[in-house]
């Protein structure tokens, strides 16, 4: 849970079908996804129930964790 006025910092790692999300260095989730479309390469940021302000979005391409 966020403290009042605490900004949310997300670190998202995507490695083929595994997505890991780290929130404010306190919470983490990992999910396996199975994208069926070849164009499933994007990420969408959105908010439900209110407005959100994104102050920074950065992306880096990662090397495969397992080249096989």
PDB file of N, CA and C in Angstrom:
ATOM      1  N   UNK A   1       0.841  -1.176   0.000  1.00  0.00           N
ATOM      2  CA  UNK A   1       0.000   0.000   0.000  1.00  0.00           C
ATOM      3  C   UNK A   1       0.890   1.244   0.000  1.00  0.00           C
ATOM      4  N   UNK A   2       0.498   2.233  -0.752  1.00  0.00           N
ATOM      5  CA  UNK A   2       1.255   3.472  -0.828  1.00  0.00           C
ATOM      6  C   UNK A   2       0.869   4.413   0.310  1.00  0.00           C
ATOM      7  N   UNK A   3       1.851   5.133   0.817  1.00  0.00           N
ATOM      8  CA  UNK A   3       1.581   6.187   1.787  1.00  0.00           C
ATOM      9  C   UNK A   3       0.936   7.360   1.048  1.00  0.00           C
ATOM     10  N   UNK A   4       0.238   8.238   1.759  1.00  0.00           N
ATOM     11  CA  UNK A   4      -0.350   9.406   1.093  1.00  0.00           C
ATOM     12  C   UNK A   4       0.719  10.195   0.331  1.00  0.00           C
ATOM     13  N   UNK A   5       0.416  10.521  -0.899  1.00  0.00           N
ATOM     14  CA  UNK A   5       1.303  11.287  -1.793  1.00  0.00           C
ATOM     15  C   UNK A   5       2.609  10.569  -2.147  1.00  0.00           C
ATOM     16  N   UNK A   6       2.722   9.290  -1.837  1.00  0.00           N
ATOM     17  CA  UNK A   6       3.928   8.542  -2.216  1.00  0.00           C
ATOM     18  C   UNK A   6       3.865   8.205  -3.703  1.00  0.00           C
ATOM     19  N   UNK A   7       4.896   8.570  -4.461  1.00  0.00           N
ATOM     20  CA  UNK A   7       4.886   8.207  -5.881  1.00  0.00           C
ATOM     21  C   UNK A   7       5.086   6.701  -6.051  1.00  0.00           C
ATOM     22  N   UNK A   8       4.508   6.169  -7.082  1.00  0.00           N
ATOM     23  CA  UNK A   8       4.646   4.752  -7.395  1.00  0.00           C
ATOM     24  C   UNK A   8       5.736   4.587  -8.436  1.00  0.00           C
ATOM     25  N   UNK A   9       6.734   3.785  -8.115  1.00  0.00           N
ATOM     26  CA  UNK A   9       7.802   3.482  -9.070  1.00  0.00           C
ATOM     27  C   UNK A   9       7.696   2.011  -9.436  1.00  0.00           C
ATOM     28  N   UNK A  10       7.517   1.745 -10.716  1.00  0.00           N
ATOM     29  CA  UNK A  10       7.428   0.368 -11.200  1.00  0.00           C
ATOM     30  C   UNK A  10       8.661   0.035 -12.021  1.00  0.00           C
ATOM     31  N   UNK A  11       9.206  -1.124 -11.783  1.00  0.00           N
ATOM     32  CA  UNK A  11      10.257  -1.678 -12.636  1.00  0.00           C
ATOM     33  C   UNK A  11       9.672  -2.939 -13.232  1.00  0.00           C
ATOM     34  N   UNK A  12       9.590  -2.967 -14.559  1.00  0.00           N
ATOM     35  CA  UNK A  12       8.939  -4.070 -15.263  1.00  0.00           C
ATOM     36  C   UNK A  12       9.974  -4.753 -16.150  1.00  0.00           C
ATOM     37  N   UNK A  13      10.107  -6.050 -15.987  1.00  0.00           N
ATOM     38  CA  UNK A  13      11.027  -6.848 -16.793  1.00  0.00           C
ATOM     39  C   UNK A  13      10.210  -7.860 -17.585  1.00  0.00           C
ATOM     40  N   UNK A  14      10.458  -7.905 -18.887  1.00  0.00           N
ATOM     41  CA  UNK A  14       9.751  -8.834 -19.757  1.00  0.00           C
ATOM     42  C   UNK A  14      10.781  -9.694 -20.467  1.00  0.00           C
ATOM     43  N   UNK A  15      10.678 -11.001 -20.305  1.00  0.00           N
ATOM     44  CA  UNK A  15      11.585 -11.942 -20.947  1.00  0.00           C
ATOM     45  C   UNK A  15      10.738 -13.006 -21.637  1.00  0.00           C
ATOM     46  N   UNK A  16      10.446 -12.769 -22.889  1.00  0.00           N
ATOM     47  CA  UNK A  16       9.577 -13.636 -23.702  1.00  0.00           C
ATOM     48  C   UNK A  16       8.214 -13.769 -23.051  1.00  0.00           C
ATOM     49  N   UNK A  17       7.926 -14.854 -22.349  1.00  0.00           N
ATOM     50  CA  UNK A  17       6.592 -15.044 -21.789  1.00  0.00           C
ATOM     51  C   UNK A  17       6.528 -14.787 -20.283  1.00  0.00           C
ATOM     52  N   UNK A  18       7.591 -14.265 -19.673  1.00  0.00           N
ATOM     53  CA  UNK A  18       7.606 -13.990 -18.236  1.00  0.00           C
ATOM     54  C   UNK A  18       7.652 -12.484 -18.014  1.00  0.00           C
ATOM     55  N   UNK A  19       6.741 -11.992 -17.174  1.00  0.00           N
ATOM     56  CA  UNK A  19       6.703 -10.582 -16.812  1.00  0.00           C
ATOM     57  C   UNK A  19       6.889 -10.476 -15.304  1.00  0.00           C
ATOM     58  N   UNK A  20       7.855  -9.671 -14.874  1.00  0.00           N
ATOM     59  CA  UNK A  20       8.088  -9.411 -13.463  1.00  0.00           C
ATOM     60  C   UNK A  20       7.882  -7.919 -13.224  1.00  0.00           C
ATOM     61  N   UNK A  21       7.114  -7.590 -12.187  1.00  0.00           N
ATOM     62  CA  UNK A  21       6.844  -6.197 -11.844  1.00  0.00           C
ATOM     63  C   UNK A  21       7.257  -5.972 -10.397  1.00  0.00           C
ATOM     64  N   UNK A  22       8.115  -4.984 -10.186  1.00  0.00           N
ATOM     65  CA  UNK A  22       8.574  -4.609  -8.849  1.00  0.00           C
ATOM     66  C   UNK A  22       8.040  -3.214  -8.552  1.00  0.00           C
ATOM     67  N   UNK A  23       7.342  -3.047  -7.422  1.00  0.00           N
ATOM     68  CA  UNK A  23       6.724  -1.769  -7.056  1.00  0.00           C
ATOM     69  C   UNK A  23       7.420  -1.196  -5.825  1.00  0.00           C
ATOM     70  N   UNK A  24       8.039  -0.038  -5.985  1.00  0.00           N
ATOM     71  CA  UNK A  24       8.682   0.704  -4.897  1.00  0.00           C
ATOM     72  C   UNK A  24       9.628  -0.164  -4.058  1.00  0.00           C
ATOM     73  N   UNK A  25      10.265  -1.110  -4.675  1.00  0.00           N
ATOM     74  CA  UNK A  25      11.223  -1.996  -4.003  1.00  0.00           C
ATOM     75  C   UNK A  25      10.623  -2.714  -2.791  1.00  0.00           C
ATOM     76  N   UNK A  26       9.275  -2.838  -2.756  1.00  0.00           N
ATOM     77  CA  UNK A  26       8.631  -3.522  -1.631  1.00  0.00           C
ATOM     78  C   UNK A  26       7.782  -4.704  -2.060  1.00  0.00           C
ATOM     79  N   UNK A  27       7.190  -4.640  -3.230  1.00  0.00           N
ATOM     80  CA  UNK A  27       6.284  -5.667  -3.702  1.00  0.00           C
ATOM     81  C   UNK A  27       6.751  -6.167  -5.051  1.00  0.00           C
ATOM     82  N   UNK A  28       6.512  -7.414  -5.313  1.00  0.00           N
ATOM     83  CA  UNK A  28       6.868  -7.980  -6.617  1.00  0.00           C
ATOM     84  C   UNK A  28       5.824  -9.017  -7.023  1.00  0.00           C
ATOM     85  N   UNK A  29       5.547  -9.056  -8.310  1.00  0.00           N
ATOM     86  CA  UNK A  29       4.706 -10.117  -8.859  1.00  0.00           C
ATOM     87  C   UNK A  29       5.378 -10.637 -10.121  1.00  0.00           C
ATOM     88  N   UNK A  30       5.098 -11.868 -10.410  1.00  0.00           N
ATOM     89  CA  UNK A  30       5.631 -12.495 -11.614  1.00  0.00           C
ATOM     90  C   UNK A  30       4.478 -13.240 -12.273  1.00  0.00           C
ATOM     91  N   UNK A  31       4.338 -13.056 -13.561  1.00  0.00           N
ATOM     92  CA  UNK A  31       3.278 -13.733 -14.307  1.00  0.00           C
ATOM     93  C   UNK A  31       3.848 -14.298 -15.596  1.00  0.00           C
ATOM     94  N   UNK A  32       3.287 -15.389 -16.000  1.00  0.00           N
ATOM     95  CA  UNK A  32       3.631 -15.964 -17.291  1.00  0.00           C
ATOM     96  C   UNK A  32       2.498 -15.637 -18.246  1.00  0.00           C
ATOM     97  N   UNK A  33       2.839 -15.115 -19.408  1.00  0.00           N
ATOM     98  CA  UNK A  33       1.842 -14.764 -20.413  1.00  0.00           C
ATOM     99  C   UNK A  33       2.149 -15.530 -21.687  1.00  0.00           C
ATOM    100  N   UNK A  34       1.149 -15.686 -22.493  1.00  0.00           N
ATOM    101  CA  UNK A  34       1.307 -16.413 -23.747  1.00  0.00           C
ATOM    102  C   UNK A  34       0.792 -15.555 -24.894  1.00  0.00           C
ATOM    103  N   UNK A  35       1.591 -14.584 -25.312  1.00  0.00           N
ATOM    104  CA  UNK A  35       1.128 -13.737 -26.417  1.00  0.00           C
ATOM    105  C   UNK A  35       0.991 -14.557 -27.696  1.00  0.00           C
ATOM    106  N   UNK A  36      -0.196 -14.512 -28.276  1.00  0.00           N
ATOM    107  CA  UNK A  36      -0.458 -15.318 -29.470  1.00  0.00           C
ATOM    108  C   UNK A  36      -0.170 -14.559 -30.759  1.00  0.00           C
ATOM    109  N   UNK A  37      -0.159 -13.238 -30.688  1.00  0.00           N
ATOM    110  CA  UNK A  37       0.026 -12.444 -31.897  1.00  0.00           C
ATOM    111  C   UNK A  37       1.484 -12.024 -32.037  1.00  0.00           C
ATOM    112  N   UNK A  38       1.964 -12.027 -33.274  1.00  0.00           N
ATOM    113  CA  UNK A  38       3.350 -11.631 -33.528  1.00  0.00           C
ATOM    114  C   UNK A  38       3.581 -10.154 -33.244  1.00  0.00           C
ATOM    115  N   UNK A  39       2.512  -9.348 -33.272  1.00  0.00           N
ATOM    116  CA  UNK A  39       2.674  -7.922 -32.997  1.00  0.00           C
ATOM    117  C   UNK A  39       2.452  -7.575 -31.519  1.00  0.00           C
ATOM    118  N   UNK A  40       2.430  -8.566 -30.638  1.00  0.00           N
ATOM    119  CA  UNK A  40       2.272  -8.326 -29.198  1.00  0.00           C
ATOM    120  C   UNK A  40       3.616  -7.913 -28.599  1.00  0.00           C
ATOM    121  N   UNK A  41       4.055  -6.726 -28.954  1.00  0.00           N
ATOM    122  CA  UNK A  41       5.371  -6.261 -28.530  1.00  0.00           C
ATOM    123  C   UNK A  41       5.321  -4.977 -27.708  1.00  0.00           C
ATOM    124  N   UNK A  42       4.151  -4.402 -27.502  1.00  0.00           N
ATOM    125  CA  UNK A  42       4.063  -3.106 -26.845  1.00  0.00           C
ATOM    126  C   UNK A  42       3.645  -3.203 -25.391  1.00  0.00           C
ATOM    127  N   UNK A  43       3.794  -2.073 -24.714  1.00  0.00           N
ATOM    128  CA  UNK A  43       3.370  -1.928 -23.326  1.00  0.00           C
ATOM    129  C   UNK A  43       2.461  -0.715 -23.276  1.00  0.00           C
ATOM    130  N   UNK A  44       1.381  -0.805 -22.513  1.00  0.00           N
ATOM    131  CA  UNK A  44       0.427   0.285 -22.379  1.00  0.00           C
ATOM    132  C   UNK A  44       0.358   0.688 -20.913  1.00  0.00           C
ATOM    133  N   UNK A  45       0.444   1.986 -20.642  1.00  0.00           N
ATOM    134  CA  UNK A  45       0.296   2.515 -19.289  1.00  0.00           C
ATOM    135  C   UNK A  45      -1.073   3.166 -19.179  1.00  0.00           C
ATOM    136  N   UNK A  46      -1.817   2.850 -18.116  1.00  0.00           N
ATOM    137  CA  UNK A  46      -3.151   3.423 -17.942  1.00  0.00           C
ATOM    138  C   UNK A  46      -3.494   3.444 -16.467  1.00  0.00           C
ATOM    139  N   UNK A  47      -4.519   4.196 -16.125  1.00  0.00           N
ATOM    140  CA  UNK A  47      -5.033   4.266 -14.757  1.00  0.00           C
ATOM    141  C   UNK A  47      -6.531   4.017 -14.793  1.00  0.00           C
ATOM    142  N   UNK A  48      -7.031   3.312 -13.801  1.00  0.00           N
ATOM    143  CA  UNK A  48      -8.467   3.084 -13.662  1.00  0.00           C
ATOM    144  C   UNK A  48      -8.972   3.861 -12.453  1.00  0.00           C
ATOM    145  N   UNK A  49     -10.072   4.546 -12.610  1.00  0.00           N
ATOM    146  CA  UNK A  49     -10.688   5.240 -11.488  1.00  0.00           C
ATOM    147  C   UNK A  49     -10.081   6.600 -11.177  1.00  0.00           C
ATOM    148  N   UNK A  50      -9.262   7.137 -12.032  1.00  0.00           N
ATOM    149  CA  UNK A  50      -8.674   8.449 -11.772  1.00  0.00           C
ATOM    150  C   UNK A  50      -7.557   8.740 -12.747  1.00  0.00           C
ATOM    151  N   UNK A  51      -6.955   9.875 -12.562  1.00  0.00           N
ATOM    152  CA  UNK A  51      -5.876  10.300 -13.449  1.00  0.00           C
ATOM    153  C   UNK A  51      -4.533   9.794 -12.944  1.00  0.00           C
ATOM    154  N   UNK A  52      -3.587   9.701 -13.853  1.00  0.00           N
ATOM    155  CA  UNK A  52      -2.224   9.312 -13.499  1.00  0.00           C
ATOM    156  C   UNK A  52      -1.266  10.231 -14.233  1.00  0.00           C
ATOM    157  N   UNK A  53      -0.160  10.516 -13.600  1.00  0.00           N
ATOM    158  CA  UNK A  53       0.879  11.343 -14.212  1.00  0.00           C
ATOM    159  C   UNK A  53       2.149  10.509 -14.262  1.00  0.00           C
ATOM    160  N   UNK A  54       2.659  10.311 -15.457  1.00  0.00           N
ATOM    161  CA  UNK A  54       3.887   9.555 -15.635  1.00  0.00           C
ATOM    162  C   UNK A  54       5.024  10.546 -15.789  1.00  0.00           C
ATOM    163  N   UNK A  55       5.958  10.541 -14.867  1.00  0.00           N
ATOM    164  CA  UNK A  55       7.063  11.495 -14.925  1.00  0.00           C
ATOM    165  C   UNK A  55       8.245  10.964 -15.706  1.00  0.00           C
ATOM    166  N   UNK A  56       8.348   9.644 -15.833  1.00  0.00           N
ATOM    167  CA  UNK A  56       9.469   9.070 -16.559  1.00  0.00           C
ATOM    168  C   UNK A  56       9.115   7.658 -17.005  1.00  0.00           C
ATOM    169  N   UNK A  57       9.440   7.357 -18.240  1.00  0.00           N
ATOM    170  CA  UNK A  57       9.297   5.999 -18.766  1.00  0.00           C
ATOM    171  C   UNK A  57      10.573   5.702 -19.538  1.00  0.00           C
ATOM    172  N   UNK A  58      11.271   4.647 -19.135  1.00  0.00           N
ATOM    173  CA  UNK A  58      12.518   4.261 -19.797  1.00  0.00           C
ATOM    174  C   UNK A  58      12.425   2.795 -20.187  1.00  0.00           C
ATOM    175  N   UNK A  59      13.072   2.440 -21.275  1.00  0.00           N
ATOM    176  CA  UNK A  59      13.064   1.050 -21.729  1.00  0.00           C
ATOM    177  C   UNK A  59      14.455   0.667 -22.210  1.00  0.00           C
ATOM    178  N   UNK A  60      14.829  -0.557 -21.914  1.00  0.00           N
ATOM    179  CA  UNK A  60      16.094  -1.122 -22.381  1.00  0.00           C
ATOM    180  C   UNK A  60      15.804  -2.509 -22.920  1.00  0.00           C
ATOM    181  N   UNK A  61      16.504  -2.884 -23.952  1.00  0.00           N
ATOM    182  CA  UNK A  61      16.385  -4.245 -24.462  1.00  0.00           C
ATOM    183  C   UNK A  61      17.326  -5.123 -23.661  1.00  0.00           C
ATOM    184  N   UNK A  62      16.803  -6.256 -23.194  1.00  0.00           N
ATOM    185  CA  UNK A  62      17.591  -7.167 -22.373  1.00  0.00           C
ATOM    186  C   UNK A  62      18.107  -8.325 -23.212  1.00  0.00           C
ATOM    187  N   UNK A  63      19.243  -8.837 -22.833  1.00  0.00           N
ATOM    188  CA  UNK A  63      19.747 -10.066 -23.442  1.00  0.00           C
ATOM    189  C   UNK A  63      18.928 -11.229 -22.860  1.00  0.00           C
ATOM    190  N   UNK A  64      18.751 -12.308 -23.610  1.00  0.00           N
ATOM    191  CA  UNK A  64      17.999 -13.453 -23.093  1.00  0.00           C
ATOM    192  C   UNK A  64      18.677 -14.035 -21.856  1.00  0.00           C
ATOM    193  N   UNK A  65      17.869 -14.416 -20.875  1.00  0.00           N
ATOM    194  CA  UNK A  65      18.427 -15.043 -19.663  1.00  0.00           C
ATOM    195  C   UNK A  65      18.824 -16.484 -19.950  1.00  0.00           C
ATOM    196  N   UNK A  66      18.173 -17.097 -20.939  1.00  0.00           N
ATOM    197  CA  UNK A  66      18.490 -18.451 -21.324  1.00  0.00           C
ATOM    198  C   UNK A  66      18.496 -18.490 -22.853  1.00  0.00           C
ATOM    199  N   UNK A  67      19.666 -18.588 -23.473  1.00  0.00           N
ATOM    200  CA  UNK A  67      19.712 -18.516 -24.937  1.00  0.00           C
ATOM    201  C   UNK A  67      19.173 -19.745 -25.657  1.00  0.00           C
ATOM    202  N   UNK A  68      18.725 -20.780 -24.945  1.00  0.00           N
ATOM    203  CA  UNK A  68      18.269 -22.006 -25.590  1.00  0.00           C
ATOM    204  C   UNK A  68      16.802 -21.983 -25.867  1.00  0.00           C
TER     205      UNK A  68
END
